[in-house]
Amino acid sequence: MNARKNVLFLASWYPNPSNPTVGNFIQKHAEAAALVHDVVTLSVHSREDGEFVVEKTSRGNLTELRAYYPKASGLFKRLIQYNRFRKAVALGVRTYRQVVGEPDVLHLNVVFPVGLFVKQHFPTVPLVITEHASGLHDGPNAYSKWMLQRMIPVYQQATANLPVSANLGERIKALAGTSYQVLPNAVSEEIFDLPIESTSGNRLVHISTLYEVAKNVHGILRAVHRLSEKTQDFEFHIITDGDATQAKALASELGLLDRFVFFHGTMKTQEIANFLKTCKALVLFSNYENFPCVIPEAWMSGVPVIATAVNGIPEFAHAENSILVEPRNEEQLTQAMLEIVHGKSFDPKLLRAYALEHFSYAAVAKRLDEVYKRLGR
């Protein structure tokens, strides 16, 4: 490993008191990087009241700076919000310089919106970008042409682009003409581990925000209903930090709620890890998806995955660790869940070994160290 560098981890999405799970995959990359370098994260958040302020917290080797600004309202809300956001970015940068000085590396995570202002504060510092945003793809939440035009020069200024999947990297390459190297999502090998005893019972789990356009939770529930007509020997659990109102209504309408389907609210990382250990499979049915962190978390816990073969998922999911189905094909999803319930199994130790090689903090830290030390600052 090279000498430790000062890395400023700028994040457009990051966990905060108002939304403790947003961007938690970025936080995990920061935790991994902090194993080998001196990392400070900087994120910007609005809140209903209060003043412009930067709050500093430390966890292990990681220091986190959260710059807050008062949420705007009224006729010129968007303009006021934009100006307050820029002011909060500048305040966060000043605070970083007071705490650390000048960074050796800027590591920007999700270009929009923080990345639009970063180089004006650090024009000579080498820039690394990790992108997670599905808004770069065509679809219902696609970025506007105006946003893409602002983002493209940022990708072009980067010394290294590190998207979380090759699928996303190819999209950035097509837009900005840049090369890329995949940096997959990171999973703590200490928090997520194998169960002491083999799992009993047929418990399946879905973990997401329940953003229906992307996650197709209603399609999952219809497939679970079909599954319940073939066997009653299973439970399907849904863990979400999102709004479950519509999903619960459909589950109730289908006669599944609190009989086959059980809902849980936001869980902390350790709680997710503990729950995964009790499950036979993680189930995702996304219409589009880069590469969600929960997939390698399941593998690290020795749990196989049922997922759609969309975007970045097939780059890592294959027959040895997953069952892949077509997006929106509810019959295929039903059959995949039935295979798990009827005893199709995967070797938990092999699943974990694959996760350790590709997604562990140690593996991701090694990749980041190789990138950072090439920057030569």
Protein backbone atom coordinates (compact mmCIF):
# COMPACT_ATOMS: atom_id res chain seq x y z
CA MET A 1 0.00 0.00 0.00
CA ASN A 2 1.12 3.52 -0.70
CA ALA A 3 1.54 6.34 1.83
CA ARG A 4 -1.78 7.62 3.13
CA LYS A 5 -3.29 10.47 1.13
CA ASN A 6 -5.81 13.09 2.19
CA VAL A 7 -8.96 12.19 0.26
CA LEU A 8 -11.96 14.51 0.16
CA PHE A 9 -14.98 12.30 -0.48
CA LEU A 10 -17.63 14.62 -1.93
CA ALA A 11 -21.10 13.10 -1.99
CA SER A 12 -24.29 14.29 -3.67
CA TRP A 13 -26.19 11.64 -1.67
CA TYR A 14 -25.23 10.75 1.89
CA PRO A 15 -26.92 9.52 5.09
CA ASN A 16 -28.16 12.32 7.35
CA PRO A 17 -30.64 12.73 10.20
CA SER A 18 -33.54 13.47 7.84
CA ASN A 19 -32.77 10.46 5.64
CA PRO A 20 -30.48 7.98 7.38
CA THR A 21 -30.28 5.51 4.47
CA VAL A 22 -29.88 7.76 1.42
CA GLY A 23 -26.52 7.18 -0.24
CA ASN A 24 -25.45 4.62 2.35
CA PHE A 25 -23.58 2.81 -0.45
CA ILE A 26 -21.40 5.93 -0.82
CA GLN A 27 -20.74 5.90 2.91
CA LYS A 28 -19.62 2.27 2.60
CA HIS A 29 -17.15 3.20 -0.15
CA ALA A 30 -15.82 5.93 2.14
CA GLU A 31 -15.45 3.46 5.02
CA ALA A 32 -13.51 1.12 2.74
CA ALA A 33 -11.24 3.90 1.47
CA ALA A 34 -10.57 5.00 5.05
CA LEU A 35 -8.86 1.67 5.71
CA VAL A 36 -5.89 2.82 3.65
CA HIS A 37 -6.18 6.62 3.36
CA ASP A 38 -7.26 9.61 5.44
CA VAL A 39 -10.82 10.21 4.25
CA VAL A 40 -13.16 13.09 5.02
CA THR A 41 -16.64 13.07 3.51
CA LEU A 42 -18.47 16.28 2.64
CA SER A 43 -22.19 16.28 1.87
CA VAL A 44 -24.79 19.07 1.66
CA HIS A 45 -28.34 18.89 3.05
CA SER A 46 -31.32 21.16 3.50
CA ARG A 47 -33.48 21.29 6.63
CA GLU A 48 -36.60 23.11 7.60
CA ASP A 49 -35.12 25.52 10.09
CA GLY A 50 -31.76 26.64 11.38
CA GLU A 51 -28.82 28.41 9.83
CA PHE A 52 -25.93 27.59 7.54
CA VAL A 53 -23.79 25.24 9.59
CA VAL A 54 -21.35 22.37 9.18
CA GLU A 55 -21.53 19.45 11.59
CA LYS A 56 -18.53 17.18 12.06
CA THR A 57 -18.67 13.56 13.20
CA SER A 58 -16.04 10.86 13.37
CA ARG A 59 -16.40 7.09 13.19
CA GLY A 60 -13.22 5.09 13.34
CA ASN A 61 -10.85 6.34 10.64
CA LEU A 62 -13.60 8.26 8.85
CA THR A 63 -14.47 11.93 9.41
CA GLU A 64 -17.82 13.17 8.08
CA LEU A 65 -18.74 16.80 7.38
CA ARG A 66 -22.40 17.61 6.71
CA ALA A 67 -23.13 21.16 5.53
CA TYR A 68 -26.70 22.28 6.19
CA TYR A 69 -28.70 25.15 4.71
CA PRO A 70 -32.27 26.33 5.41
CA LYS A 71 -34.85 24.95 2.99
CA ALA A 72 -36.34 27.65 0.78
CA SER A 73 -40.01 28.41 0.15
CA GLY A 74 -42.10 30.94 -1.71
CA LEU A 75 -42.32 32.23 -5.26
CA PHE A 76 -38.60 32.09 -6.04
CA LYS A 77 -38.00 28.87 -4.14
CA ARG A 78 -35.84 27.14 -6.76
CA LEU A 79 -33.53 30.11 -7.28
CA ILE A 80 -33.15 30.69 -3.55
CA GLN A 81 -32.55 26.98 -2.97
CA TYR A 82 -29.86 26.93 -5.67
CA ASN A 83 -28.01 29.88 -4.15
CA ARG A 84 -28.25 28.46 -0.64
CA PHE A 85 -26.95 25.11 -1.87
CA ARG A 86 -23.90 26.77 -3.47
CA LYS A 87 -23.28 28.74 -0.29
CA ALA A 88 -23.42 25.54 1.77
CA VAL A 89 -20.94 23.84 -0.58
CA ALA A 90 -18.54 26.75 -0.15
CA LEU A 91 -18.98 26.65 3.63
CA GLY A 92 -18.26 22.93 3.66
CA VAL A 93 -15.11 23.43 1.58
CA ARG A 94 -13.86 26.16 3.94
CA THR A 95 -14.50 23.89 6.91
CA TYR A 96 -12.60 21.05 5.24
CA ARG A 97 -9.62 23.33 4.65
CA GLN A 98 -9.70 24.39 8.31
CA VAL A 99 -9.76 20.76 9.43
CA VAL A 100 -7.36 19.20 6.93
CA GLY A 101 -5.87 21.74 4.54
CA GLU A 102 -5.65 20.83 0.87
CA PRO A 103 -6.72 17.38 -0.32
CA ASP A 104 -4.47 15.14 -2.38
CA VAL A 105 -7.47 13.57 -4.11
CA LEU A 106 -11.03 14.68 -4.80
CA HIS A 107 -13.33 11.68 -4.95
CA LEU A 108 -16.73 12.83 -6.20
CA ASN A 109 -19.66 10.46 -5.68
CA VAL A 110 -22.67 11.11 -7.94
CA VAL A 111 -21.99 14.10 -10.16
CA PHE A 112 -25.33 15.85 -9.83
CA PRO A 113 -25.56 18.24 -8.07
CA VAL A 114 -22.39 18.64 -5.95
CA GLY A 115 -20.07 17.88 -8.85
CA LEU A 116 -21.21 20.91 -10.81
CA PHE A 117 -19.35 23.16 -8.37
CA VAL A 118 -16.39 21.09 -7.22
CA LYS A 119 -13.61 22.08 -9.62
CA GLN A 120 -14.08 25.79 -8.98
CA HIS A 121 -12.99 25.14 -5.40
CA PHE A 122 -10.16 22.71 -6.23
CA PRO A 123 -9.05 23.48 -9.80
CA THR A 124 -5.69 21.68 -9.57
CA VAL A 125 -6.55 18.68 -7.39
CA PRO A 126 -6.89 15.33 -9.25
CA LEU A 127 -10.54 14.30 -9.59
CA VAL A 128 -11.93 10.77 -9.31
CA ILE A 129 -15.63 10.10 -9.91
CA THR A 130 -17.79 7.21 -8.78
CA GLU A 131 -21.25 7.31 -10.34
CA HIS A 132 -24.34 5.49 -9.04
CA ALA A 133 -27.22 7.42 -10.60
CA SER A 134 -29.76 5.50 -12.67
CA GLY A 135 -30.88 8.87 -14.02
CA LEU A 136 -28.17 8.56 -16.66
CA HIS A 137 -30.18 5.77 -18.30
CA ASP A 138 -33.29 6.30 -20.38
CA GLY A 139 -36.44 5.80 -18.36
CA PRO A 140 -39.02 7.54 -16.17
CA ASN A 141 -36.41 9.14 -13.89
CA ALA A 142 -33.89 9.99 -16.64
CA TYR A 143 -31.93 13.20 -16.24
CA SER A 144 -32.96 16.06 -18.49
CA LYS A 145 -30.78 17.14 -21.42
CA TRP A 146 -29.96 20.31 -19.47
CA MET A 147 -28.64 18.29 -16.54
CA LEU A 148 -26.62 15.96 -18.78
CA GLN A 149 -25.03 18.92 -20.56
CA ARG A 150 -23.87 20.25 -17.20
CA MET A 151 -22.58 16.85 -16.08
CA ILE A 152 -20.62 15.81 -19.17
CA PRO A 153 -17.73 18.29 -18.65
CA VAL A 154 -17.32 17.04 -15.08
CA TYR A 155 -16.80 13.46 -16.27
CA GLN A 156 -14.32 14.76 -18.82
CA GLN A 157 -12.31 16.58 -16.13
CA ALA A 158 -11.87 13.41 -14.08
CA THR A 159 -8.56 11.57 -14.00
CA ALA A 160 -10.51 8.37 -13.35
CA ASN A 161 -14.18 7.46 -13.74
CA LEU A 162 -15.20 4.57 -11.49
CA PRO A 163 -18.88 3.68 -12.10
CA VAL A 164 -20.43 0.89 -10.04
CA SER A 165 -21.18 -1.18 -13.16
CA ALA A 166 -19.86 -1.51 -16.70
CA ASN A 167 -23.38 -0.86 -17.95
CA LEU A 168 -23.29 2.56 -16.32
CA GLY A 169 -19.70 3.08 -17.46
CA GLU A 170 -20.67 2.48 -21.08
CA ARG A 171 -23.42 5.08 -20.76
CA ILE A 172 -20.96 7.65 -19.40
CA LYS A 173 -18.48 6.72 -22.14
CA ALA A 174 -21.14 7.29 -24.80
CA LEU A 175 -22.05 10.67 -23.31
CA ALA A 176 -18.62 12.04 -22.42
CA GLY A 177 -16.14 9.93 -24.41
CA THR A 178 -14.31 8.86 -21.25
CA SER A 179 -12.75 5.56 -20.26
CA TYR A 180 -13.76 3.90 -17.01
CA GLN A 181 -12.93 1.23 -14.46
CA VAL A 182 -15.71 -0.49 -12.51
CA LEU A 183 -15.75 0.03 -8.75
CA PRO A 184 -18.52 -2.21 -7.39
CA ASN A 185 -20.44 -1.46 -4.23
CA ALA A 186 -18.70 -2.34 -0.98
CA VAL A 187 -19.94 -4.63 1.80
CA SER A 188 -18.50 -4.93 5.30
CA GLU A 189 -17.22 -8.46 5.65
CA GLU A 190 -17.34 -8.04 9.43
CA ILE A 191 -21.00 -7.01 9.68
CA PHE A 192 -22.34 -9.37 7.02
CA ASP A 193 -21.26 -12.93 7.73
CA LEU A 194 -22.52 -16.48 7.58
CA PRO A 195 -25.13 -17.74 10.04
CA ILE A 196 -23.85 -20.03 12.77
CA GLU A 197 -26.55 -22.57 11.99
CA SER A 198 -28.16 -23.45 8.67
CA THR A 199 -31.36 -21.55 7.91
CA SER A 200 -34.60 -23.36 8.67
CA GLY A 201 -37.90 -22.40 7.08
CA ASN A 202 -38.56 -20.81 3.72
CA ARG A 203 -38.16 -17.10 4.37
CA LEU A 204 -37.70 -14.85 1.32
CA VAL A 205 -36.90 -11.14 1.59
CA HIS A 206 -37.09 -8.02 -0.55
CA ILE A 207 -35.18 -4.90 0.57
CA SER A 208 -35.65 -1.58 -1.22
CA THR A 209 -37.16 1.90 -1.18
CA LEU A 210 -40.31 0.47 -2.86
CA TYR A 211 -39.96 3.03 -5.66
CA GLU A 212 -42.48 1.25 -7.85
CA VAL A 213 -41.34 2.48 -11.26
CA ALA A 214 -37.93 0.93 -10.70
CA LYS A 215 -38.51 -1.84 -8.15
CA ASN A 216 -41.81 -3.30 -9.47
CA VAL A 217 -42.94 -4.35 -6.01
CA HIS A 218 -46.50 -4.83 -7.26
CA GLY A 219 -45.17 -7.38 -9.72
CA ILE A 220 -43.41 -9.15 -6.86
CA LEU A 221 -46.65 -9.30 -4.86
CA ARG A 222 -48.59 -10.74 -7.79
CA ALA A 223 -45.86 -13.38 -8.21
CA VAL A 224 -46.00 -14.14 -4.49
CA HIS A 225 -49.76 -14.59 -4.83
CA ARG A 226 -49.16 -17.14 -7.58
CA LEU A 227 -46.59 -18.81 -5.33
CA SER A 228 -49.16 -19.06 -2.51
CA GLU A 229 -51.45 -20.98 -4.86
CA LYS A 230 -48.71 -23.58 -5.38
CA THR A 231 -47.39 -23.84 -1.81
CA GLN A 232 -48.09 -22.31 1.59
CA ASP A 233 -44.72 -23.26 3.05
CA PHE A 234 -43.02 -19.84 2.89
CA GLU A 235 -42.91 -16.31 4.25
CA PHE A 236 -42.14 -13.23 2.16
CA HIS A 237 -40.73 -10.24 4.05
CA ILE A 238 -40.39 -6.69 2.74
CA ILE A 239 -37.95 -4.30 4.44
CA THR A 240 -38.22 -0.69 3.33
CA ASP A 241 -37.36 2.88 4.26
CA GLY A 242 -39.95 4.07 1.73
CA ASP A 243 -43.72 4.48 1.62
CA ALA A 244 -45.33 1.03 1.82
CA THR A 245 -48.95 2.25 1.68
CA GLN A 246 -49.75 1.07 -1.85
CA ALA A 247 -47.79 -2.17 -1.51
CA LYS A 248 -49.62 -3.02 1.72
CA ALA A 249 -52.96 -2.25 0.07
CA LEU A 250 -52.21 -4.64 -2.80
CA ALA A 251 -50.92 -7.32 -0.42
CA SER A 252 -54.17 -7.01 1.55
CA GLU A 253 -56.27 -7.13 -1.62
CA LEU A 254 -54.48 -10.34 -2.69
CA GLY A 255 -55.03 -11.91 0.74
CA LEU A 256 -51.30 -11.99 1.48
CA LEU A 257 -50.84 -9.37 4.20
CA ASP A 258 -49.70 -10.78 7.55
CA ARG A 259 -50.36 -14.26 6.23
CA PHE A 260 -47.62 -14.73 3.63
CA VAL A 261 -46.27 -11.16 3.29
CA PHE A 262 -44.86 -9.18 6.22
CA PHE A 263 -43.67 -5.57 6.11
CA HIS A 264 -40.83 -4.03 8.15
CA GLY A 265 -39.72 -0.42 8.40
CA THR A 266 -36.22 1.02 8.20
CA MET A 267 -33.51 -1.19 9.63
CA LYS A 268 -29.94 -0.33 10.55
CA THR A 269 -27.12 -2.09 8.73
CA GLN A 270 -26.54 -4.61 11.52
CA GLU A 271 -30.27 -5.38 11.65
CA ILE A 272 -30.29 -6.01 7.89
CA ALA A 273 -27.31 -8.33 8.31
CA ASN A 274 -29.02 -10.26 11.10
CA PHE A 275 -32.23 -10.59 9.09
CA LEU A 276 -30.48 -11.79 5.92
CA LYS A 277 -28.97 -14.69 7.87
CA THR A 278 -32.46 -16.06 8.44
CA CYS A 279 -33.45 -16.01 4.75
CA LYS A 280 -33.32 -18.55 1.94
CA ALA A 281 -33.06 -15.91 -0.82
CA LEU A 282 -33.12 -12.20 -1.55
CA VAL A 283 -35.72 -11.29 -4.18
CA LEU A 284 -35.50 -8.28 -6.50
CA PHE A 285 -37.68 -7.69 -9.56
CA SER A 286 -36.39 -4.35 -10.83
CA ASN A 287 -37.30 -2.85 -14.18
CA TYR A 288 -33.93 -1.10 -14.13
CA GLU A 289 -31.10 -1.10 -11.64
CA ASN A 290 -27.39 -0.32 -11.64
CA PHE A 291 -26.11 -2.77 -9.04
CA PRO A 292 -27.83 -2.48 -5.67
CA CYS A 293 -25.71 -2.91 -2.55
CA VAL A 294 -28.14 -5.40 -1.05
CA ILE A 295 -27.16 -8.04 -3.63
CA PRO A 296 -23.53 -8.39 -2.49
CA GLU A 297 -24.72 -8.04 1.12
CA ALA A 298 -26.82 -11.16 0.57
CA TRP A 299 -23.91 -13.06 -1.00
CA MET A 300 -21.61 -12.02 1.84
CA SER A 301 -24.19 -13.58 4.17
CA GLY A 302 -24.27 -16.79 2.15
CA VAL A 303 -27.72 -16.00 0.71
CA PRO A 304 -28.50 -16.44 -3.02
CA VAL A 305 -30.34 -13.85 -5.06
CA ILE A 306 -33.33 -13.91 -7.38
CA ALA A 307 -33.13 -10.83 -9.61
CA THR A 308 -33.87 -9.48 -13.06
CA ALA A 309 -31.17 -9.49 -15.71
CA VAL A 310 -31.12 -5.71 -16.12
CA ASN A 311 -28.35 -3.11 -16.35
CA GLY A 312 -25.40 -3.95 -14.08
CA ILE A 313 -26.87 -6.97 -12.30
CA PRO A 314 -25.77 -9.68 -14.81
CA GLU A 315 -22.18 -8.43 -14.58
CA PHE A 316 -21.93 -10.09 -11.18
CA ALA A 317 -25.00 -12.33 -10.83
CA HIS A 318 -24.75 -15.72 -12.52
CA ALA A 319 -25.90 -19.32 -12.17
CA GLU A 320 -23.51 -20.04 -9.29
CA ASN A 321 -24.94 -17.32 -7.02
CA SER A 322 -28.34 -16.31 -8.41
CA ILE A 323 -31.44 -17.10 -10.39
CA LEU A 324 -31.93 -14.45 -13.07
CA VAL A 325 -35.35 -13.76 -14.57
CA GLU A 326 -36.66 -11.45 -17.25
CA PRO A 327 -37.95 -8.04 -16.09
CA ARG A 328 -41.76 -7.99 -15.67
CA ASN A 329 -41.99 -11.76 -16.20
CA GLU A 330 -44.03 -12.63 -13.13
CA GLU A 331 -44.39 -16.28 -14.05
CA GLN A 332 -40.60 -16.66 -14.19
CA LEU A 333 -40.29 -14.95 -10.82
CA THR A 334 -42.90 -17.28 -9.31
CA GLN A 335 -41.05 -20.30 -10.67
CA ALA A 336 -37.70 -19.04 -9.33
CA MET A 337 -39.15 -18.56 -5.83
CA LEU A 338 -40.78 -21.99 -6.03
CA GLU A 339 -37.39 -23.55 -6.84
CA ILE A 340 -35.93 -22.01 -3.68
CA VAL A 341 -38.90 -23.08 -1.55
CA HIS A 342 -38.65 -26.61 -2.95
CA GLY A 343 -35.01 -26.88 -1.96
CA LYS A 344 -32.78 -25.45 -4.69
CA SER A 345 -29.65 -24.50 -2.78
CA PHE A 346 -26.36 -22.68 -3.21
CA ASP A 347 -23.18 -23.23 -1.20
CA PRO A 348 -23.10 -20.37 1.36
CA LYS A 349 -19.30 -20.55 1.66
CA LEU A 350 -18.87 -20.15 -2.09
CA LEU A 351 -21.29 -17.21 -2.14
CA ARG A 352 -19.31 -15.51 0.62
CA ALA A 353 -15.98 -16.27 -1.05
CA TYR A 354 -17.19 -14.57 -4.23
CA ALA A 355 -18.37 -11.55 -2.24
CA LEU A 356 -15.08 -11.33 -0.35
CA GLU A 357 -13.12 -11.31 -3.60
CA HIS A 358 -15.17 -8.60 -5.30
CA PHE A 359 -17.10 -6.50 -2.77
CA SER A 360 -15.43 -6.68 0.65
CA TYR A 361 -14.05 -3.52 2.22
CA ALA A 362 -10.58 -5.02 1.84
CA ALA A 363 -11.07 -5.66 -1.90
CA VAL A 364 -12.58 -2.23 -2.59
CA ALA A 365 -9.88 -0.50 -0.49
CA LYS A 366 -7.21 -2.22 -2.59
CA ARG A 367 -8.82 -1.02 -5.84
CA LEU A 368 -9.12 2.54 -4.56
CA ASP A 369 -5.54 2.53 -3.31
CA GLU A 370 -4.34 1.53 -6.77
CA VAL A 371 -6.29 4.41 -8.32
CA TYR A 372 -5.25 7.02 -5.76
CA LYS A 373 -1.54 6.21 -5.89
CA ARG A 374 -1.52 6.54 -9.70
CA LEU A 375 -2.52 10.18 -9.33
CA GLY A 376 1.01 11.07 -8.19
CA ARG A 377 0.22 14.06 -6.02
